[in-house]
Protein backbone atom coordinates (compact mmCIF):
# COMPACT_ATOMS: atom_id res chain seq x y z
CA MET A 1 -11.02 -25.46 -49.13
CA ILE A 2 -11.92 -21.93 -48.00
CA HIS A 3 -11.35 -19.42 -50.50
CA GLU A 4 -11.95 -15.79 -50.03
CA VAL A 5 -11.39 -13.15 -52.63
CA LEU A 6 -10.74 -9.55 -51.96
CA THR A 7 -10.78 -6.39 -54.09
CA VAL A 8 -7.62 -4.28 -52.70
CA GLY A 9 -6.00 -1.06 -53.27
CA PRO A 10 -6.74 1.56 -55.36
CA LEU A 11 -6.44 -0.60 -58.69
CA GLN A 12 -8.60 -3.25 -57.15
CA CYS A 13 -6.47 -5.93 -57.27
CA ASN A 14 -7.86 -9.40 -56.40
CA CYS A 15 -6.57 -10.82 -53.52
CA SER A 16 -7.04 -14.71 -52.91
CA ILE A 17 -7.07 -16.31 -49.46
CA LEU A 18 -6.86 -20.01 -49.69
CA GLY A 19 -7.22 -22.34 -46.58
CA ASP A 20 -7.61 -25.97 -45.41
CA GLU A 21 -10.59 -26.29 -43.17
CA ALA A 22 -8.84 -28.80 -41.19
CA SER A 23 -5.44 -27.74 -40.64
CA ARG A 24 -6.15 -23.83 -40.49
CA GLU A 25 -3.14 -23.48 -42.77
CA ALA A 26 -3.59 -20.54 -45.42
CA ILE A 27 -1.68 -19.41 -48.44
CA VAL A 28 -2.65 -15.53 -49.64
CA VAL A 29 -1.94 -14.53 -53.01
CA ASP A 30 -0.96 -11.36 -54.15
CA PRO A 31 -1.40 -9.00 -51.01
CA GLY A 32 -1.37 -5.69 -52.74
CA ASP A 33 -2.81 -3.41 -50.42
CA ASP A 34 -5.62 -3.34 -47.39
CA ILE A 35 -3.48 -5.78 -45.10
CA SER A 36 -5.98 -5.06 -42.62
CA ARG A 37 -8.45 -6.27 -44.39
CA ILE A 38 -6.84 -9.48 -45.40
CA MET A 39 -6.09 -9.95 -41.46
CA ALA A 40 -9.47 -9.43 -40.47
CA LEU A 41 -10.50 -12.23 -42.57
CA LEU A 42 -7.72 -14.29 -41.57
CA ARG A 43 -8.94 -14.29 -38.16
CA GLN A 44 -12.44 -14.68 -39.14
CA HIS A 45 -11.34 -18.22 -40.32
CA SER A 46 -8.80 -18.95 -37.72
CA LEU A 47 -6.02 -19.13 -40.62
CA THR A 48 -2.16 -19.17 -40.31
CA VAL A 49 -0.69 -17.95 -43.46
CA LYS A 50 2.13 -20.44 -44.20
CA GLN A 51 3.01 -18.85 -47.63
CA ILE A 52 2.78 -15.48 -49.34
CA VAL A 53 2.50 -15.60 -53.09
CA ILE A 54 3.02 -12.99 -55.73
CA THR A 55 1.85 -13.53 -59.20
CA HIS A 56 4.07 -10.60 -60.69
CA ALA A 57 5.89 -7.36 -59.14
CA HIS A 58 3.67 -4.84 -60.03
CA ILE A 59 3.06 -2.55 -56.85
CA ASP A 60 -0.83 -3.26 -57.01
CA HIS A 61 -0.12 -6.83 -56.52
CA ILE A 62 3.12 -6.99 -54.39
CA ALA A 63 3.04 -3.19 -51.97
CA GLY A 64 1.59 -5.16 -48.87
CA ALA A 65 3.69 -8.27 -48.85
CA ALA A 66 6.18 -7.09 -46.38
CA LYS A 67 3.66 -5.97 -44.19
CA LEU A 68 1.54 -9.45 -44.49
CA LYS A 69 5.08 -10.79 -43.82
CA GLN A 70 5.89 -9.00 -40.70
CA LEU A 71 2.52 -9.63 -39.13
CA THR A 72 2.44 -13.47 -39.93
CA GLY A 73 5.89 -14.69 -40.45
CA ALA A 74 5.24 -16.17 -43.80
CA PRO A 75 7.86 -16.19 -46.46
CA ILE A 76 7.48 -14.26 -49.54
CA LEU A 77 7.72 -15.98 -52.78
CA TYR A 78 7.70 -14.65 -56.20
CA ASN A 79 9.70 -15.15 -59.49
CA GLN A 80 13.32 -13.83 -59.58
CA ASN A 81 12.60 -12.47 -63.38
CA ASP A 82 10.82 -9.38 -61.71
CA LEU A 83 13.23 -8.15 -59.69
CA PRO A 84 13.89 -5.79 -62.20
CA LEU A 85 10.80 -4.39 -61.57
CA VAL A 86 11.12 -4.49 -57.71
CA LYS A 87 13.93 -2.16 -58.62
CA MET A 88 11.76 0.29 -60.11
CA MET A 89 9.17 0.52 -57.52
CA ASP A 90 9.70 4.23 -57.02
CA MET A 91 9.01 4.88 -60.60
CA GLN A 92 5.82 2.60 -60.22
CA ALA A 93 4.68 4.10 -57.05
CA ASN A 94 4.89 7.29 -58.85
CA TRP A 95 2.56 6.31 -61.81
CA LEU A 96 -0.28 5.67 -59.36
CA GLY A 97 1.00 8.69 -56.82
CA VAL A 98 1.32 6.53 -53.95
CA GLY A 99 4.28 5.76 -51.32
CA VAL A 100 6.98 3.73 -52.51
CA PRO A 101 6.37 0.47 -50.49
CA GLU A 102 9.25 -1.65 -48.94
CA VAL A 103 9.76 -4.84 -51.17
CA PRO A 104 12.05 -7.39 -50.47
CA PRO A 105 13.74 -10.07 -52.47
CA PRO A 106 12.03 -13.25 -52.57
CA ASP A 107 12.39 -15.55 -49.85
CA ASP A 108 11.97 -18.22 -52.53
CA ASN A 109 12.08 -18.32 -56.06
CA LEU A 110 8.63 -19.48 -58.06
CA ASP A 111 10.18 -21.61 -60.85
CA ASP A 112 7.81 -23.06 -63.06
CA GLY A 113 6.55 -26.20 -61.61
CA LYS A 114 7.11 -25.61 -58.17
CA LEU A 115 5.02 -27.14 -55.52
CA ILE A 116 3.26 -24.90 -53.37
CA ALA A 117 1.50 -26.77 -50.68
CA ILE A 118 0.02 -26.19 -46.92
CA THR A 119 -1.22 -28.83 -44.89
CA GLY A 120 -4.50 -30.17 -47.08
CA LEU A 121 -3.92 -28.05 -49.91
CA SER A 122 -1.33 -28.11 -52.97
CA GLY A 123 -0.93 -26.64 -56.16
CA SER A 124 1.77 -25.86 -58.74
CA ILE A 125 3.55 -22.58 -60.31
CA LEU A 126 2.92 -22.00 -64.43
CA HIS A 127 5.54 -19.32 -65.40
CA THR A 128 3.58 -17.37 -67.77
CA PRO A 129 5.88 -14.51 -68.87
CA GLY A 130 4.66 -11.81 -71.18
CA HIS A 131 2.67 -9.22 -68.71
CA THR A 132 6.12 -9.16 -67.35
CA GLU A 133 9.08 -11.59 -67.27
CA GLY A 134 8.54 -13.08 -64.05
CA SER A 135 4.68 -13.67 -63.94
CA VAL A 136 3.29 -16.69 -62.65
CA CYS A 137 -0.34 -18.55 -62.10
CA LEU A 138 -0.91 -20.62 -59.09
CA TYR A 139 -3.20 -23.75 -60.56
CA LEU A 140 -4.77 -26.34 -58.27
CA PRO A 141 -6.02 -29.15 -60.35
CA GLU A 142 -7.87 -31.11 -57.50
CA ARG A 143 -9.71 -27.77 -56.82
CA GLY A 144 -10.07 -26.86 -60.66
CA LEU A 145 -8.86 -23.73 -59.92
CA LEU A 146 -6.33 -21.37 -61.43
CA ILE A 147 -5.29 -18.01 -59.78
CA ALA A 148 -4.14 -16.36 -62.82
CA GLY A 149 -2.58 -12.81 -61.83
CA ASP A 150 -2.66 -10.03 -64.71
CA THR A 151 -2.04 -13.10 -67.69
CA LEU A 152 -5.47 -13.75 -68.24
CA PHE A 153 -8.95 -11.69 -67.54
CA ALA A 154 -12.49 -12.43 -68.37
CA GLY A 155 -12.45 -11.25 -72.17
CA SER A 156 -9.36 -9.96 -72.13
CA VAL A 157 -5.52 -10.26 -71.51
CA GLY A 158 -2.68 -8.49 -69.44
CA ARG A 159 -1.45 -5.49 -70.96
CA THR A 160 2.19 -5.59 -72.33
CA ASP A 161 3.07 -1.83 -72.84
CA LEU A 162 4.53 -1.89 -69.17
CA PRO A 163 8.33 -2.51 -68.72
CA GLY A 164 8.93 -6.23 -69.09
CA GLY A 165 5.87 -6.76 -71.14
CA ASN A 166 5.94 -8.59 -74.54
CA THR A 167 2.86 -9.59 -76.27
CA ARG A 168 3.96 -12.63 -78.28
CA LYS A 169 5.32 -14.03 -75.24
CA LEU A 170 1.97 -13.32 -73.38
CA LEU A 171 -0.18 -14.98 -75.87
CA ALA A 172 2.17 -18.19 -76.24
CA SER A 173 1.97 -18.42 -72.42
CA ILE A 174 -1.84 -18.17 -72.51
CA HIS A 175 -2.05 -20.78 -75.33
CA GLU A 176 0.38 -22.99 -74.27
CA ARG A 177 0.26 -23.10 -70.68
CA LEU A 178 -3.67 -21.94 -69.70
CA LEU A 179 -5.72 -23.00 -72.79
CA THR A 180 -4.61 -26.74 -72.30
CA LEU A 181 -6.12 -26.87 -69.28
CA PRO A 182 -9.39 -28.20 -68.88
CA ASP A 183 -12.60 -26.22 -69.59
CA GLU A 184 -14.00 -26.30 -66.28
CA VAL A 185 -11.20 -24.84 -64.48
CA THR A 186 -12.36 -21.81 -62.39
CA VAL A 187 -10.05 -18.70 -63.37
CA ILE A 188 -9.81 -15.81 -60.69
CA PRO A 189 -7.88 -13.20 -62.86
CA GLY A 190 -5.75 -10.64 -61.11
CA HIS A 191 -8.59 -8.24 -61.65
CA GLY A 192 -12.30 -8.08 -62.51
CA ASN A 193 -14.54 -10.77 -62.71
CA ARG A 194 -13.77 -14.58 -62.51
CA THR A 195 -14.07 -16.64 -65.62
CA THR A 196 -13.11 -20.35 -66.88
CA ILE A 197 -10.76 -21.68 -69.41
CA GLY A 198 -13.64 -22.82 -71.57
CA GLN A 199 -15.22 -19.49 -71.58
CA GLU A 200 -12.19 -17.56 -72.53
CA ARG A 201 -10.95 -20.40 -74.93
CA THR A 202 -14.32 -20.15 -77.05
CA SER A 203 -14.96 -16.48 -76.66
CA ASN A 204 -12.22 -14.15 -75.68
CA PRO A 205 -11.99 -11.91 -78.48
CA PHE A 206 -8.11 -11.64 -77.95
CA LEU A 207 -7.57 -15.68 -78.44
CA GLN A 208 -9.24 -16.42 -81.47
CA ASP A 209 -7.55 -16.88 -84.82
CA LYS A 210 -7.71 -13.79 -86.92
């Protein structure tokens, strides 16, 4: 598997490019910005984007999706529970002092358990509300990989003080959906360094019993 992680945009969002070496098909997760850099890496690996997966509809994760779709023709997938956040994109842009991006409705809904697959590579969607109502993670069990969005971080968890956030739901999502995964699963969070499920289970201060 080809896996490139780029930090994009002013908030340094982790954008993942997942590709299959044989088919040269790819999934791009959270193309929040810097689409020219993403396209350059796709060309470098001779990859064709088949799906654009958005973990949640905060501007730093979704702002570049429409442009990437325009360039590649790939559908945009995100959970429809985040449509209220899309309607607030002007407010989100104002928070960062940036222009308002075009954010279309999803071409398909990322329901819990939905299969995300290209030739040679597949994973499934885990709906993990809490950071937003529509937050999802992409789990690739055969690769031991979790693309966690802003649900779980190395040593931290997603913030819940923005619209759609709910601390109780977030912690329940992490404990019930993520910490049940094998310890050796590598976690690519929405920002910051990669970690593992085992590392977060044992040492993340937000997940320990008080």
